[in-house]
Amino acid sequence: MELFFDLLLVFLLVCAVAVSLSKNLLNSIIVYMSFSLIMSVIWILLESPDLAITEAAVGAGVTSILFIITLKKIHEIVKDEDKEEEHHE
């Protein structure tokens, strides 16, 4: 069990570094979701099921969905600005 816990901590570190170094925003969101899910498993191993459920629901669920919606809206704004610039030229 100790080896599994250590492996999860290593994955957690890898996810944290990957989010920081990722250039693609969608990839960053997906890695962040993985980070939250791994953190949920760690909370379960630490015998804190209430924190695990909260981390899974808020961290991997709601926050990630909000990030994806925001990313979609940002791309729509950029597309609209590009169209406006084309019309002005």
N, C-alpha and C. Protein backbone atom coordinates (compact mmCIF):
# COMPACT_ATOMS: atom_id res chain seq x y z
N MET A 1 0.83 -1.20 0.00
CA MET A 1 0.00 0.00 0.00
C MET A 1 0.87 1.26 0.00
N GLU A 2 1.98 1.18 0.68
CA GLU A 2 2.91 2.33 0.73
C GLU A 2 3.44 2.66 -0.66
N LEU A 3 3.72 1.64 -1.44
CA LEU A 3 4.22 1.85 -2.80
C LEU A 3 3.17 2.54 -3.66
N PHE A 4 1.91 2.13 -3.51
CA PHE A 4 0.81 2.75 -4.26
C PHE A 4 0.67 4.23 -3.89
N PHE A 5 0.76 4.51 -2.61
CA PHE A 5 0.67 5.90 -2.13
C PHE A 5 1.81 6.74 -2.70
N ASP A 6 3.02 6.20 -2.66
CA ASP A 6 4.18 6.91 -3.21
C ASP A 6 4.04 7.14 -4.71
N LEU A 7 3.49 6.14 -5.40
CA LEU A 7 3.28 6.28 -6.84
C LEU A 7 2.26 7.38 -7.14
N LEU A 8 1.22 7.46 -6.34
CA LEU A 8 0.23 8.53 -6.51
C LEU A 8 0.85 9.91 -6.27
N LEU A 9 1.71 10.00 -5.28
CA LEU A 9 2.38 11.28 -5.02
C LEU A 9 3.28 11.69 -6.18
N VAL A 10 3.95 10.70 -6.79
CA VAL A 10 4.79 11.00 -7.95
C VAL A 10 3.92 11.48 -9.11
N PHE A 11 2.79 10.80 -9.35
CA PHE A 11 1.87 11.23 -10.40
C PHE A 11 1.34 12.63 -10.12
N LEU A 12 1.08 12.92 -8.86
CA LEU A 12 0.61 14.25 -8.48
C LEU A 12 1.65 15.31 -8.83
N LEU A 13 2.89 15.02 -8.54
CA LEU A 13 3.98 15.95 -8.88
C LEU A 13 4.11 16.11 -10.39
N VAL A 14 4.00 15.01 -11.13
CA VAL A 14 4.10 15.07 -12.59
C VAL A 14 2.97 15.92 -13.16
N CYS A 15 1.76 15.74 -12.63
CA CYS A 15 0.62 16.55 -13.10
C CYS A 15 0.84 18.03 -12.82
N ALA A 16 1.35 18.35 -11.64
CA ALA A 16 1.58 19.75 -11.29
C ALA A 16 2.61 20.39 -12.23
N VAL A 17 3.66 19.68 -12.53
CA VAL A 17 4.69 20.21 -13.43
C VAL A 17 4.13 20.30 -14.86
N ALA A 18 3.37 19.29 -15.27
CA ALA A 18 2.82 19.28 -16.62
C ALA A 18 1.86 20.44 -16.85
N VAL A 19 1.03 20.75 -15.86
CA VAL A 19 0.12 21.89 -15.99
C VAL A 19 0.91 23.18 -16.14
N SER A 20 1.97 23.30 -15.39
CA SER A 20 2.77 24.52 -15.44
C SER A 20 3.49 24.70 -16.77
N LEU A 21 3.91 23.60 -17.38
CA LEU A 21 4.71 23.69 -18.59
C LEU A 21 3.91 23.56 -19.88
N SER A 22 2.64 23.21 -19.78
CA SER A 22 1.82 22.98 -20.97
C SER A 22 1.52 24.29 -21.69
N LYS A 23 1.64 24.27 -23.01
CA LYS A 23 1.33 25.44 -23.82
C LYS A 23 -0.14 25.45 -24.25
N ASN A 24 -0.73 24.26 -24.38
CA ASN A 24 -2.12 24.13 -24.82
C ASN A 24 -3.04 24.22 -23.61
N LEU A 25 -3.98 25.15 -23.63
CA LEU A 25 -4.86 25.36 -22.48
C LEU A 25 -5.79 24.18 -22.22
N LEU A 26 -6.29 23.55 -23.29
CA LEU A 26 -7.16 22.40 -23.11
C LEU A 26 -6.42 21.24 -22.46
N ASN A 27 -5.17 21.01 -22.86
CA ASN A 27 -4.36 19.98 -22.22
C ASN A 27 -4.14 20.30 -20.75
N SER A 28 -3.94 21.56 -20.44
CA SER A 28 -3.76 21.96 -19.05
C SER A 28 -4.99 21.65 -18.21
N ILE A 29 -6.17 21.88 -18.78
CA ILE A 29 -7.41 21.59 -18.06
C ILE A 29 -7.54 20.09 -17.82
N ILE A 30 -7.22 19.29 -18.82
CA ILE A 30 -7.32 17.84 -18.68
C ILE A 30 -6.34 17.32 -17.63
N VAL A 31 -5.13 17.84 -17.63
CA VAL A 31 -4.14 17.43 -16.63
C VAL A 31 -4.59 17.89 -15.24
N TYR A 32 -5.21 19.08 -15.16
CA TYR A 32 -5.74 19.55 -13.88
C TYR A 32 -6.83 18.62 -13.36
N MET A 33 -7.67 18.11 -14.26
CA MET A 33 -8.69 17.15 -13.86
C MET A 33 -8.03 15.88 -13.30
N SER A 34 -6.98 15.44 -13.95
CA SER A 34 -6.24 14.26 -13.47
C SER A 34 -5.64 14.52 -12.10
N PHE A 35 -5.10 15.71 -11.92
CA PHE A 35 -4.55 16.09 -10.62
C PHE A 35 -5.61 15.98 -9.53
N SER A 36 -6.80 16.49 -9.81
CA SER A 36 -7.89 16.45 -8.82
C SER A 36 -8.34 15.03 -8.53
N LEU A 37 -8.39 14.20 -9.56
CA LEU A 37 -8.80 12.81 -9.35
C LEU A 37 -7.76 12.04 -8.53
N ILE A 38 -6.49 12.28 -8.81
CA ILE A 38 -5.43 11.64 -8.02
C ILE A 38 -5.49 12.12 -6.58
N MET A 39 -5.75 13.40 -6.41
CA MET A 39 -5.87 13.95 -5.06
C MET A 39 -7.05 13.32 -4.33
N SER A 40 -8.13 13.03 -5.04
CA SER A 40 -9.29 12.36 -4.43
C SER A 40 -8.91 10.98 -3.92
N VAL A 41 -8.16 10.25 -4.71
CA VAL A 41 -7.72 8.91 -4.29
C VAL A 41 -6.81 9.02 -3.07
N ILE A 42 -5.95 10.01 -3.05
CA ILE A 42 -5.07 10.21 -1.89
C ILE A 42 -5.89 10.51 -0.64
N TRP A 43 -6.94 11.33 -0.77
CA TRP A 43 -7.80 11.63 0.38
C TRP A 43 -8.48 10.35 0.88
N ILE A 44 -8.87 9.48 -0.05
CA ILE A 44 -9.48 8.21 0.37
C ILE A 44 -8.47 7.37 1.15
N LEU A 45 -7.24 7.31 0.65
CA LEU A 45 -6.20 6.54 1.34
C LEU A 45 -5.88 7.13 2.71
N LEU A 46 -6.07 8.43 2.85
CA LEU A 46 -5.84 9.08 4.15
C LEU A 46 -7.08 9.01 5.04
N GLU A 47 -8.07 8.23 4.59
CA GLU A 47 -9.30 8.00 5.35
C GLU A 47 -10.10 9.27 5.60
N SER A 48 -10.22 10.08 4.55
CA SER A 48 -11.04 11.29 4.60
C SER A 48 -12.00 11.27 3.42
N PRO A 49 -13.03 10.44 3.51
CA PRO A 49 -13.94 10.31 2.36
C PRO A 49 -14.72 11.59 2.05
N ASP A 50 -14.99 12.41 3.06
CA ASP A 50 -15.70 13.66 2.80
C ASP A 50 -14.87 14.60 1.94
N LEU A 51 -13.58 14.68 2.22
CA LEU A 51 -12.69 15.51 1.39
C LEU A 51 -12.51 14.93 0.00
N ALA A 52 -12.49 13.60 -0.09
CA ALA A 52 -12.34 12.95 -1.39
C ALA A 52 -13.53 13.25 -2.29
N ILE A 53 -14.73 13.16 -1.73
CA ILE A 53 -15.93 13.46 -2.51
C ILE A 53 -15.95 14.92 -2.94
N THR A 54 -15.58 15.80 -2.03
CA THR A 54 -15.55 17.22 -2.35
C THR A 54 -14.52 17.52 -3.43
N GLU A 55 -13.35 16.94 -3.32
CA GLU A 55 -12.29 17.15 -4.31
C GLU A 55 -12.73 16.64 -5.67
N ALA A 56 -13.36 15.47 -5.71
CA ALA A 56 -13.81 14.92 -6.99
C ALA A 56 -14.91 15.78 -7.60
N ALA A 57 -15.84 16.21 -6.77
CA ALA A 57 -16.97 16.99 -7.29
C ALA A 57 -16.55 18.40 -7.71
N VAL A 58 -15.83 19.06 -6.85
CA VAL A 58 -15.47 20.46 -7.12
C VAL A 58 -14.22 20.55 -8.01
N GLY A 59 -13.17 19.85 -7.63
CA GLY A 59 -11.91 19.95 -8.37
C GLY A 59 -11.98 19.37 -9.76
N ALA A 60 -12.41 18.12 -9.86
CA ALA A 60 -12.44 17.46 -11.16
C ALA A 60 -13.73 17.76 -11.91
N GLY A 61 -14.78 18.06 -11.21
CA GLY A 61 -16.07 18.26 -11.85
C GLY A 61 -16.37 19.69 -12.21
N VAL A 62 -16.83 20.43 -11.24
CA VAL A 62 -17.35 21.79 -11.48
C VAL A 62 -16.27 22.73 -12.01
N THR A 63 -15.12 22.74 -11.38
CA THR A 63 -14.06 23.67 -11.79
C THR A 63 -13.59 23.38 -13.21
N SER A 64 -13.43 22.11 -13.54
CA SER A 64 -12.98 21.76 -14.89
C SER A 64 -14.01 22.14 -15.93
N ILE A 65 -15.28 21.92 -15.62
CA ILE A 65 -16.33 22.31 -16.56
C ILE A 65 -16.33 23.83 -16.76
N LEU A 66 -16.17 24.57 -15.68
CA LEU A 66 -16.10 26.04 -15.80
C LEU A 66 -14.90 26.48 -16.62
N PHE A 67 -13.76 25.82 -16.43
CA PHE A 67 -12.58 26.15 -17.23
C PHE A 67 -12.83 25.87 -18.71
N ILE A 68 -13.46 24.75 -19.02
CA ILE A 68 -13.72 24.41 -20.42
C ILE A 68 -14.69 25.39 -21.04
N ILE A 69 -15.74 25.76 -20.32
CA ILE A 69 -16.70 26.74 -20.83
C ILE A 69 -16.01 28.09 -21.06
N THR A 70 -15.18 28.49 -20.11
CA THR A 70 -14.44 29.76 -20.26
C THR A 70 -13.51 29.71 -21.46
N LEU A 71 -12.83 28.60 -21.64
CA LEU A 71 -11.93 28.45 -22.77
C LEU A 71 -12.69 28.54 -24.09
N LYS A 72 -13.86 27.92 -24.13
CA LYS A 72 -14.70 27.99 -25.34
C LYS A 72 -15.14 29.43 -25.61
N LYS A 73 -15.55 30.14 -24.56
CA LYS A 73 -15.98 31.53 -24.73
C LYS A 73 -14.82 32.42 -25.17
N ILE A 74 -13.64 32.19 -24.65
CA ILE A 74 -12.47 32.98 -25.04
C ILE A 74 -12.18 32.77 -26.52
N HIS A 75 -12.25 31.53 -26.98
CA HIS A 75 -12.02 31.27 -28.41
C HIS A 75 -13.09 31.91 -29.26
N GLU A 76 -14.34 31.96 -28.79
CA GLU A 76 -15.40 32.63 -29.53
C GLU A 76 -15.14 34.13 -29.60
N ILE A 77 -14.66 34.70 -28.52
CA ILE A 77 -14.34 36.13 -28.50
C ILE A 77 -13.22 36.43 -29.48
N VAL A 78 -12.20 35.58 -29.48
CA VAL A 78 -11.08 35.78 -30.40
C VAL A 78 -11.56 35.66 -31.84
N LYS A 79 -12.44 34.69 -32.13
CA LYS A 79 -12.96 34.54 -33.49
C LYS A 79 -13.77 35.76 -33.90
N ASP A 80 -14.60 36.28 -32.97
CA ASP A 80 -15.39 37.48 -33.27
C ASP A 80 -14.49 38.68 -33.54
N GLU A 81 -13.43 38.84 -32.77
CA GLU A 81 -12.51 39.95 -32.98
C GLU A 81 -11.81 39.82 -34.33
N ASP A 82 -11.46 38.59 -34.71
CA ASP A 82 -10.81 38.38 -36.00
C ASP A 82 -11.77 38.74 -37.14
N LYS A 83 -13.05 38.38 -36.99
CA LYS A 83 -14.03 38.71 -38.02
C LYS A 83 -14.22 40.21 -38.13
N GLU A 84 -14.24 40.91 -36.99
CA GLU A 84 -14.39 42.36 -37.00
C GLU A 84 -13.21 43.03 -37.67
N GLU A 85 -12.00 42.52 -37.43
CA GLU A 85 -10.81 43.08 -38.05
C GLU A 85 -10.84 42.88 -39.56
N GLU A 86 -11.37 41.74 -40.02
CA GLU A 86 -11.46 41.48 -41.45
C GLU A 86 -12.46 42.45 -42.11
N HIS A 87 -13.54 42.75 -41.42
CA HIS A 87 -14.54 43.66 -41.98
C HIS A 87 -14.03 45.10 -42.05
N HIS A 88 -13.16 45.48 -41.13
CA HIS A 88 -12.63 46.85 -41.11
C HIS A 88 -11.55 47.07 -42.15
N GLU A 89 -10.96 46.00 -42.61
CA GLU A 89 -9.86 46.15 -43.58
C GLU A 89 -10.32 46.33 -44.97
